[in-house]
C-alpha atoms as a PDB file:
ATOM      1  CA  MET A   1     -67.693 -33.986   8.053  1.00  0.00           C
ATOM      2  CA  ASP A   2     -65.005 -36.446   9.138  1.00  0.00           C
ATOM      3  CA  LEU A   3     -63.124 -34.699  11.959  1.00  0.00           C
ATOM      4  CA  THR A   4     -63.867 -34.251  15.642  1.00  0.00           C
ATOM      5  CA  VAL A   5     -62.758 -31.213  17.639  1.00  0.00           C
ATOM      6  CA  ARG A   6     -59.918 -33.321  19.020  1.00  0.00           C
ATOM      7  CA  ASP A   7     -58.830 -34.268  15.487  1.00  0.00           C
ATOM      8  CA  ALA A   8     -58.940 -30.621  14.412  1.00  0.00           C
ATOM      9  CA  ALA A   9     -56.880 -29.510  17.390  1.00  0.00           C
ATOM     10  CA  LYS A  10     -54.256 -32.132  16.594  1.00  0.00           C
ATOM     11  CA  LEU A  11     -54.042 -31.197  12.922  1.00  0.00           C
ATOM     12  CA  LEU A  12     -53.782 -27.498  13.728  1.00  0.00           C
ATOM     13  CA  ALA A  13     -51.266 -28.151  16.509  1.00  0.00           C
ATOM     14  CA  THR A  14     -53.394 -26.215  18.982  1.00  0.00           C
ATOM     15  CA  SER A  15     -55.680 -26.867  21.950  1.00  0.00           C
ATOM     16  CA  GLU A  16     -59.266 -28.090  21.835  1.00  0.00           C
ATOM     17  CA  LYS A  17     -60.153 -24.936  23.770  1.00  0.00           C
ATOM     18  CA  ASN A  18     -58.985 -22.804  20.847  1.00  0.00           C
ATOM     19  CA  VAL A  19     -60.966 -24.894  18.362  1.00  0.00           C
ATOM     20  CA  TYR A  20     -64.124 -24.510  20.433  1.00  0.00           C
ATOM     21  CA  ARG A  21     -63.486 -20.772  20.682  1.00  0.00           C
ATOM     22  CA  TRP A  22     -63.195 -20.426  16.897  1.00  0.00           C
ATOM     23  CA  ILE A  23     -66.379 -22.460  16.463  1.00  0.00           C
ATOM     24  CA  HIS A  24     -68.304 -20.348  18.942  1.00  0.00           C
ATOM     25  CA  GLU A  25     -67.019 -17.175  17.310  1.00  0.00           C
ATOM     26  CA  GLY A  26     -68.464 -18.484  14.055  1.00  0.00           C
ATOM     27  CA  THR A  27     -65.174 -18.299  12.166  1.00  0.00           C
ATOM     28  CA  LEU A  28     -64.409 -22.022  11.888  1.00  0.00           C
ATOM     29  CA  PRO A  29     -66.839 -23.921   9.590  1.00  0.00           C
ATOM     30  CA  CYS A  30     -68.428 -26.993  11.187  1.00  0.00           C
ATOM     31  CA  CYS A  31     -71.719 -28.763  11.778  1.00  0.00           C
ATOM     32  CA  ARG A  32     -73.298 -30.280  14.867  1.00  0.00           C
ATOM     33  CA  VAL A  33     -74.180 -33.978  14.820  1.00  0.00           C
ATOM     34  CA  SER A  34     -75.713 -35.655  17.892  1.00  0.00           C
ATOM     35  CA  ASP A  35     -74.558 -32.793  20.125  1.00  0.00           C
ATOM     36  CA  ARG A  36     -71.004 -33.052  18.826  1.00  0.00           C
ATOM     37  CA  TYR A  37     -69.167 -30.775  16.451  1.00  0.00           C
ATOM     38  CA  ARG A  38     -67.829 -32.238  13.208  1.00  0.00           C
ATOM     39  CA  LEU A  39     -65.453 -30.547  10.789  1.00  0.00           C
ATOM     40  CA  ASN A  40     -64.529 -31.154   7.169  1.00  0.00           C
ATOM     41  CA  ARG A  41     -60.847 -31.793   6.507  1.00  0.00           C
ATOM     42  CA  VAL A  42     -60.783 -29.782   3.271  1.00  0.00           C
ATOM     43  CA  GLU A  43     -62.599 -26.821   4.820  1.00  0.00           C
ATOM     44  CA  LEU A  44     -60.292 -26.954   7.826  1.00  0.00           C
ATOM     45  CA  LEU A  45     -57.240 -26.895   5.583  1.00  0.00           C
ATOM     46  CA  GLU A  46     -58.578 -23.971   3.561  1.00  0.00           C
ATOM     47  CA  TRP A  47     -59.516 -22.101   6.752  1.00  0.00           C
ATOM     48  CA  ALA A  48     -56.017 -22.560   8.185  1.00  0.00           C
ATOM     49  CA  SER A  49     -54.400 -21.590   4.892  1.00  0.00           C
ATOM     50  CA  ARG A  50     -56.309 -18.303   4.655  1.00  0.00           C
ATOM     51  CA  ARG A  51     -54.975 -17.460   8.110  1.00  0.00           C
ATOM     52  CA  GLN A  52     -51.445 -18.566   7.205  1.00  0.00           C
ATOM     53  CA  MET A  53     -51.430 -21.107  10.028  1.00  0.00           C
ATOM     54  CA  THR A  54     -48.846 -23.867   9.969  1.00  0.00           C
ATOM     55  CA  VAL A  55     -50.654 -27.184  10.137  1.00  0.00           C
ATOM     56  CA  SER A  56     -49.438 -30.533  11.417  1.00  0.00           C
ATOM     57  CA  PRO A  57     -47.837 -32.772   8.750  1.00  0.00           C
ATOM     58  CA  GLU A  58     -50.462 -35.368   9.655  1.00  0.00           C
ATOM     59  CA  ILE A  59     -53.005 -33.437   7.636  1.00  0.00           C
ATOM     60  CA  PHE A  60     -51.127 -34.531   4.531  1.00  0.00           C
ATOM     61  CA  GLN A  61     -51.402 -38.218   5.352  1.00  0.00           C
ATOM     62  CA  ASP A  62     -54.041 -40.536   3.954  1.00  0.00           C
ATOM     63  CA  GLU A  63     -54.334 -43.918   5.613  1.00  0.00           C
ATOM     64  CA  GLN A  64     -57.062 -45.193   3.321  1.00  0.00           C
ATOM     65  CA  GLN A  65     -55.494 -44.846  -0.084  1.00  0.00           C
ATOM     66  CA  GLU A  66     -52.024 -44.956  -1.541  1.00  0.00           C
ATOM     67  CA  ILE A  67     -51.300 -42.010  -3.793  1.00  0.00           C
ATOM     68  CA  GLY A  68     -48.311 -40.821  -5.732  1.00  0.00           C
ATOM     69  CA  LYS A  69     -45.859 -39.024  -3.505  1.00  0.00           C
ATOM     70  CA  LEU A  70     -45.329 -36.391  -6.203  1.00  0.00           C
ATOM     71  CA  LEU A  71     -49.054 -35.918  -6.818  1.00  0.00           C
ATOM     72  CA  LEU A  72     -48.821 -32.119  -7.031  1.00  0.00           C
ATOM     73  CA  THR A  73     -45.747 -32.176  -9.263  1.00  0.00           C
ATOM     74  CA  GLU A  74     -47.456 -34.476 -11.746  1.00  0.00           C
ATOM     75  CA  ALA A  75     -50.691 -32.467 -11.641  1.00  0.00           C
ATOM     76  CA  MET A  76     -48.750 -29.280 -12.383  1.00  0.00           C
ATOM     77  CA  LYS A  77     -46.976 -30.888 -15.301  1.00  0.00           C
ATOM     78  CA  ARG A  78     -50.414 -31.553 -16.762  1.00  0.00           C
ATOM     79  CA  GLY A  79     -51.793 -28.107 -15.897  1.00  0.00           C
ATOM     80  CA  GLY A  80     -48.793 -26.078 -16.996  1.00  0.00           C
ATOM     81  CA  MET A  81     -47.867 -22.473 -16.233  1.00  0.00           C
ATOM     82  CA  ILE A  82     -49.208 -19.247 -17.665  1.00  0.00           C
ATOM     83  CA  TYR A  83     -47.406 -15.915 -17.503  1.00  0.00           C
ATOM     84  CA  ASP A  84     -49.032 -12.463 -17.751  1.00  0.00           C
ATOM     85  CA  LEU A  85     -52.635 -13.633 -17.502  1.00  0.00           C
ATOM     86  CA  PRO A  86     -54.841 -10.620 -18.360  1.00  0.00           C
ATOM     87  CA  GLY A  87     -57.582  -9.246 -16.119  1.00  0.00           C
ATOM     88  CA  GLU A  88     -58.427  -6.059 -14.247  1.00  0.00           C
ATOM     89  CA  ASP A  89     -60.219  -7.769 -11.336  1.00  0.00           C
ATOM     90  CA  LYS A  90     -61.369 -11.158 -10.058  1.00  0.00           C
ATOM     91  CA  LYS A  91     -64.435 -11.035 -12.294  1.00  0.00           C
ATOM     92  CA  SER A  92     -62.295 -10.840 -15.436  1.00  0.00           C
ATOM     93  CA  VAL A  93     -59.387 -12.985 -14.265  1.00  0.00           C
ATOM     94  CA  LEU A  94     -61.486 -16.126 -13.688  1.00  0.00           C
ATOM     95  CA  PRO A  95     -62.842 -16.434 -17.258  1.00  0.00           C
ATOM     96  CA  ALA A  96     -59.374 -15.626 -18.579  1.00  0.00           C
ATOM     97  CA  ILE A  97     -57.778 -18.514 -16.692  1.00  0.00           C
ATOM     98  CA  CYS A  98     -60.586 -20.876 -17.727  1.00  0.00           C
ATOM     99  CA  ALA A  99     -59.978 -19.971 -21.365  1.00  0.00           C
ATOM    100  CA  ALA A 100     -56.206 -20.422 -21.069  1.00  0.00           C
ATOM    101  CA  MET A 101     -55.956 -23.664 -19.084  1.00  0.00           C
ATOM    102  CA  PRO A 102     -54.751 -26.705 -21.091  1.00  0.00           C
ATOM    103  CA  VAL A 103     -57.820 -28.824 -20.333  1.00  0.00           C
ATOM    104  CA  PRO A 104     -59.186 -31.609 -22.580  1.00  0.00           C
ATOM    105  CA  LYS A 105     -61.557 -30.640 -25.384  1.00  0.00           C
ATOM    106  CA  SER A 106     -64.362 -32.374 -23.512  1.00  0.00           C
ATOM    107  CA  VAL A 107     -64.231 -29.760 -20.751  1.00  0.00           C
ATOM    108  CA  ASN A 108     -66.974 -27.145 -20.891  1.00  0.00           C
ATOM    109  CA  ARG A 109     -65.025 -23.985 -20.102  1.00  0.00           C
ATOM    110  CA  GLU A 110     -68.178 -22.003 -19.296  1.00  0.00           C
ATOM    111  CA  GLU A 111     -69.164 -24.640 -16.747  1.00  0.00           C
ATOM    112  CA  LEU A 112     -65.652 -24.555 -15.318  1.00  0.00           C
ATOM    113  CA  HIS A 113     -65.903 -20.792 -14.919  1.00  0.00           C
ATOM    114  CA  SER A 114     -69.288 -21.163 -13.227  1.00  0.00           C
ATOM    115  CA  VAL A 115     -68.033 -23.578 -10.570  1.00  0.00           C
ATOM    116  CA  LEU A 116     -64.920 -21.508  -9.852  1.00  0.00           C
ATOM    117  CA  LEU A 117     -67.051 -18.372  -9.554  1.00  0.00           C
ATOM    118  CA  ALA A 118     -69.484 -20.161  -7.238  1.00  0.00           C
ATOM    119  CA  ARG A 119     -66.599 -21.126  -4.953  1.00  0.00           C
ATOM    120  CA  GLU A 120     -65.336 -17.539  -4.817  1.00  0.00           C
ATOM    121  CA  GLN A 121     -68.807 -16.282  -3.962  1.00  0.00           C
ATOM    122  CA  LEU A 122     -68.901 -18.689  -1.043  1.00  0.00           C
ATOM    123  CA  ALA A 123     -65.538 -17.519   0.315  1.00  0.00           C
ATOM    124  CA  SER A 124     -62.398 -16.115  -1.231  1.00  0.00           C
ATOM    125  CA  THR A 125     -59.730 -18.657  -2.164  1.00  0.00           C
ATOM    126  CA  ALA A 126     -57.006 -16.079  -1.515  1.00  0.00           C
ATOM    127  CA  ILE A 127     -54.663 -17.467   1.141  1.00  0.00           C
ATOM    128  CA  GLY A 128     -52.385 -14.484   1.637  1.00  0.00           C
ATOM    129  CA  ASN A 129     -48.929 -13.533   0.379  1.00  0.00           C
ATOM    130  CA  GLY A 130     -50.437 -12.611  -2.995  1.00  0.00           C
ATOM    131  CA  ILE A 131     -51.618 -16.159  -3.738  1.00  0.00           C
ATOM    132  CA  ALA A 132     -55.057 -17.632  -4.456  1.00  0.00           C
ATOM    133  CA  ILE A 133     -56.074 -21.237  -5.159  1.00  0.00           C
ATOM    134  CA  PRO A 134     -59.318 -21.193  -7.196  1.00  0.00           C
ATOM    135  CA  HIS A 135     -61.037 -24.587  -7.245  1.00  0.00           C
ATOM    136  CA  PRO A 136     -64.527 -26.088  -7.168  1.00  0.00           C
ATOM    137  CA  ARG A 137     -66.054 -26.385  -3.700  1.00  0.00           C
ATOM    138  CA  SER A 138     -66.396 -30.108  -4.318  1.00  0.00           C
ATOM    139  CA  PRO A 139     -64.736 -32.169  -7.045  1.00  0.00           C
ATOM    140  CA  ILE A 140     -66.991 -32.470 -10.052  1.00  0.00           C
ATOM    141  CA  VAL A 141     -66.717 -34.190 -13.379  1.00  0.00           C
ATOM    142  CA  VAL A 142     -65.826 -31.513 -15.910  1.00  0.00           C
ATOM    143  CA  GLY A 143     -64.155 -33.764 -18.438  1.00  0.00           C
ATOM    144  CA  VAL A 144     -60.762 -34.321 -16.784  1.00  0.00           C
ATOM    145  CA  THR A 145     -59.667 -37.887 -16.106  1.00  0.00           C
ATOM    146  CA  GLN A 146     -56.611 -36.925 -14.073  1.00  0.00           C
ATOM    147  CA  PRO A 147     -56.091 -34.092 -11.586  1.00  0.00           C
ATOM    148  CA  LEU A 148     -54.352 -31.001 -12.873  1.00  0.00           C
ATOM    149  CA  VAL A 149     -53.088 -27.755 -11.408  1.00  0.00           C
ATOM    150  CA  THR A 150     -52.412 -24.676 -13.508  1.00  0.00           C
ATOM    151  CA  LEU A 151     -50.090 -21.994 -12.150  1.00  0.00           C
ATOM    152  CA  ALA A 152     -50.861 -18.538 -13.510  1.00  0.00           C
ATOM    153  CA  PHE A 153     -49.005 -15.281 -12.925  1.00  0.00           C
ATOM    154  CA  LEU A 154     -51.327 -12.315 -13.357  1.00  0.00           C
ATOM    155  CA  LYS A 155     -50.313  -9.459 -15.614  1.00  0.00           C
ATOM    156  CA  LYS A 156     -51.741  -7.102 -13.008  1.00  0.00           C
ATOM    157  CA  PRO A 157     -52.320  -7.910  -9.289  1.00  0.00           C
ATOM    158  CA  VAL A 158     -56.016  -7.915  -8.384  1.00  0.00           C
ATOM    159  CA  ASP A 159     -58.118  -7.845  -5.247  1.00  0.00           C
ATOM    160  CA  PHE A 160     -59.340 -11.337  -4.237  1.00  0.00           C
ATOM    161  CA  GLY A 161     -60.465 -10.347  -0.766  1.00  0.00           C
ATOM    162  CA  ALA A 162     -57.481 -11.862   1.034  1.00  0.00           C
ATOM    163  CA  LEU A 163     -57.485 -11.678   4.817  1.00  0.00           C
ATOM    164  CA  ASP A 164     -54.034 -10.094   4.806  1.00  0.00           C
ATOM    165  CA  GLY A 165     -55.297  -7.371   2.451  1.00  0.00           C
ATOM    166  CA  ARG A 166     -52.665  -8.058  -0.211  1.00  0.00           C
ATOM    167  CA  LEU A 167     -53.513  -8.092  -3.897  1.00  0.00           C
ATOM    168  CA  VAL A 168     -53.212 -11.464  -5.625  1.00  0.00           C
ATOM    169  CA  HIS A 169     -50.505 -11.920  -8.249  1.00  0.00           C
ATOM    170  CA  THR A 170     -50.405 -15.733  -8.489  1.00  0.00           C
ATOM    171  CA  LEU A 171     -53.102 -18.381  -8.994  1.00  0.00           C
ATOM    172  CA  PHE A 172     -52.996 -22.144  -8.545  1.00  0.00           C
ATOM    173  CA  VAL A 173     -56.168 -23.410 -10.232  1.00  0.00           C
ATOM    174  CA  THR A 174     -56.898 -26.939  -9.070  1.00  0.00           C
ATOM    175  CA  LEU A 175     -59.141 -29.524 -10.745  1.00  0.00           C
ATOM    176  CA  SER A 176     -59.588 -32.982  -9.249  1.00  0.00           C
ATOM    177  CA  THR A 177     -61.600 -36.082 -10.074  1.00  0.00           C
ATOM    178  CA  THR A 178     -62.463 -37.272  -6.550  1.00  0.00           C
ATOM    179  CA  ILE A 179     -62.856 -35.786  -3.094  1.00  0.00           C
ATOM    180  CA  ARG A 180     -59.810 -37.686  -1.863  1.00  0.00           C
ATOM    181  CA  LEU A 181     -57.567 -36.391  -4.650  1.00  0.00           C
ATOM    182  CA  HIS A 182     -58.964 -32.896  -4.160  1.00  0.00           C
ATOM    183  CA  LEU A 183     -57.942 -33.028  -0.506  1.00  0.00           C
ATOM    184  CA  GLN A 184     -54.527 -34.496  -1.211  1.00  0.00           C
ATOM    185  CA  ILE A 185     -53.630 -31.964  -3.894  1.00  0.00           C
ATOM    186  CA  LEU A 186     -54.673 -29.043  -1.713  1.00  0.00           C
ATOM    187  CA  SER A 187     -52.756 -30.533   1.194  1.00  0.00           C
ATOM    188  CA  HIS A 188     -49.585 -30.933  -0.851  1.00  0.00           C
ATOM    189  CA  LEU A 189     -49.959 -27.445  -2.288  1.00  0.00           C
ATOM    190  CA  MET A 190     -50.334 -25.924   1.181  1.00  0.00           C
ATOM    191  CA  PHE A 191     -47.225 -27.784   2.310  1.00  0.00           C
ATOM    192  CA  VAL A 192     -45.229 -26.434  -0.652  1.00  0.00           C
ATOM    193  CA  LEU A 193     -46.498 -22.882  -0.104  1.00  0.00           C
ATOM    194  CA  GLN A 194     -45.203 -22.880   3.452  1.00  0.00           C
ATOM    195  CA  SER A 195     -41.721 -22.681   1.937  1.00  0.00           C
ATOM    196  CA  LEU A 196     -40.354 -19.127   2.040  1.00  0.00           C
ATOM    197  CA  GLU A 197     -37.869 -20.008  -0.717  1.00  0.00           C
ATOM    198  CA  PHE A 198     -40.635 -21.222  -3.006  1.00  0.00           C
ATOM    199  CA  ARG A 199     -42.742 -18.130  -2.382  1.00  0.00           C
ATOM    200  CA  LYS A 200     -39.681 -16.058  -3.262  1.00  0.00           C
ATOM    201  CA  LEU A 201     -39.450 -17.886  -6.601  1.00  0.00           C
ATOM    202  CA  LEU A 202     -43.111 -17.107  -7.213  1.00  0.00           C
ATOM    203  CA  SER A 203     -42.566 -13.417  -6.521  1.00  0.00           C
ATOM    204  CA  GLN A 204     -39.669 -13.498  -9.006  1.00  0.00           C
ATOM    205  CA  ARG A 205     -41.814 -15.322 -11.586  1.00  0.00           C
ATOM    206  CA  ALA A 206     -39.150 -17.953 -12.044  1.00  0.00           C
ATOM    207  CA  GLY A 207     -39.176 -20.193 -15.085  1.00  0.00           C
ATOM    208  CA  ALA A 208     -41.319 -23.318 -15.292  1.00  0.00           C
ATOM    209  CA  GLU A 209     -38.389 -25.719 -15.033  1.00  0.00           C
ATOM    210  CA  VAL A 210     -37.047 -24.040 -11.892  1.00  0.00           C
ATOM    211  CA  LEU A 211     -40.464 -23.954 -10.235  1.00  0.00           C
ATOM    212  CA  LEU A 212     -41.275 -27.579 -11.005  1.00  0.00           C
ATOM    213  CA  LYS A 213     -37.912 -28.708  -9.662  1.00  0.00           C
ATOM    214  CA  GLU A 214     -38.460 -26.821  -6.415  1.00  0.00           C
ATOM    215  CA  ILE A 215     -41.988 -28.201  -6.065  1.00  0.00           C
ATOM    216  CA  GLU A 216     -40.670 -31.724  -6.562  1.00  0.00           C
ATOM    217  CA  ASN A 217     -37.955 -31.191  -3.956  1.00  0.00           C
ATOM    218  CA  ILE A 218     -40.390 -29.843  -1.352  1.00  0.00           C
ATOM    219  CA  GLU A 219     -43.158 -32.326  -2.077  1.00  0.00           C
ATOM    220  CA  GLY A 220     -40.675 -35.156  -1.694  1.00  0.00           C
ATOM    221  CA  ARG A 221     -40.305 -34.237   2.005  1.00  0.00           C
ATOM    222  CA  ILE A 222     -43.925 -35.079   2.788  1.00  0.00           C
ATOM    223  CA  LYS A 223     -43.992 -38.255   4.864  1.00  0.00           C
END
């Protein structure tokens, strides 16, 4: 838990009063340390994303470690894109994506499915607009040495329990090697998904080359 209420208010571009209200309502995840509330940056980002809130660009910054500016673009090149992923519901879609992802042979696909399922049982990774971002709650070693993101278009939209009530048609499955990379990839992905033009390309199931080019263009704007 690395953020104060003041930090959270700044990142969400709102008032501290609103942050306290969300905490007291029990909707915003946090913990209390020495009579002060502390929030986790990743959980805050996921919480804001599920509510389709526009967050401050500062949430994408990392003062402690230099990372590649096109981190998401490179991760997606490694993870690839899958079209017409089969599955009738969330229960069947998750093992299907685990079986189809281009992960190293050292990855235990059953273990991967287990950690993705555990995350969904904690809270849905659906963020609205027909999109979900399945990922482990915390980065774990599953045999990947570099972060990867796999984009999958479902053959049939399924219910992921999104707050906006829409069925999910697109998945971004994210695997990271460290907490910091996990945060950065999710941050960059959320920034890209704020683009109406990019979401339009997703709804059209544009080709891989077109999508990667657009991701690179948008990600390049992150300061």
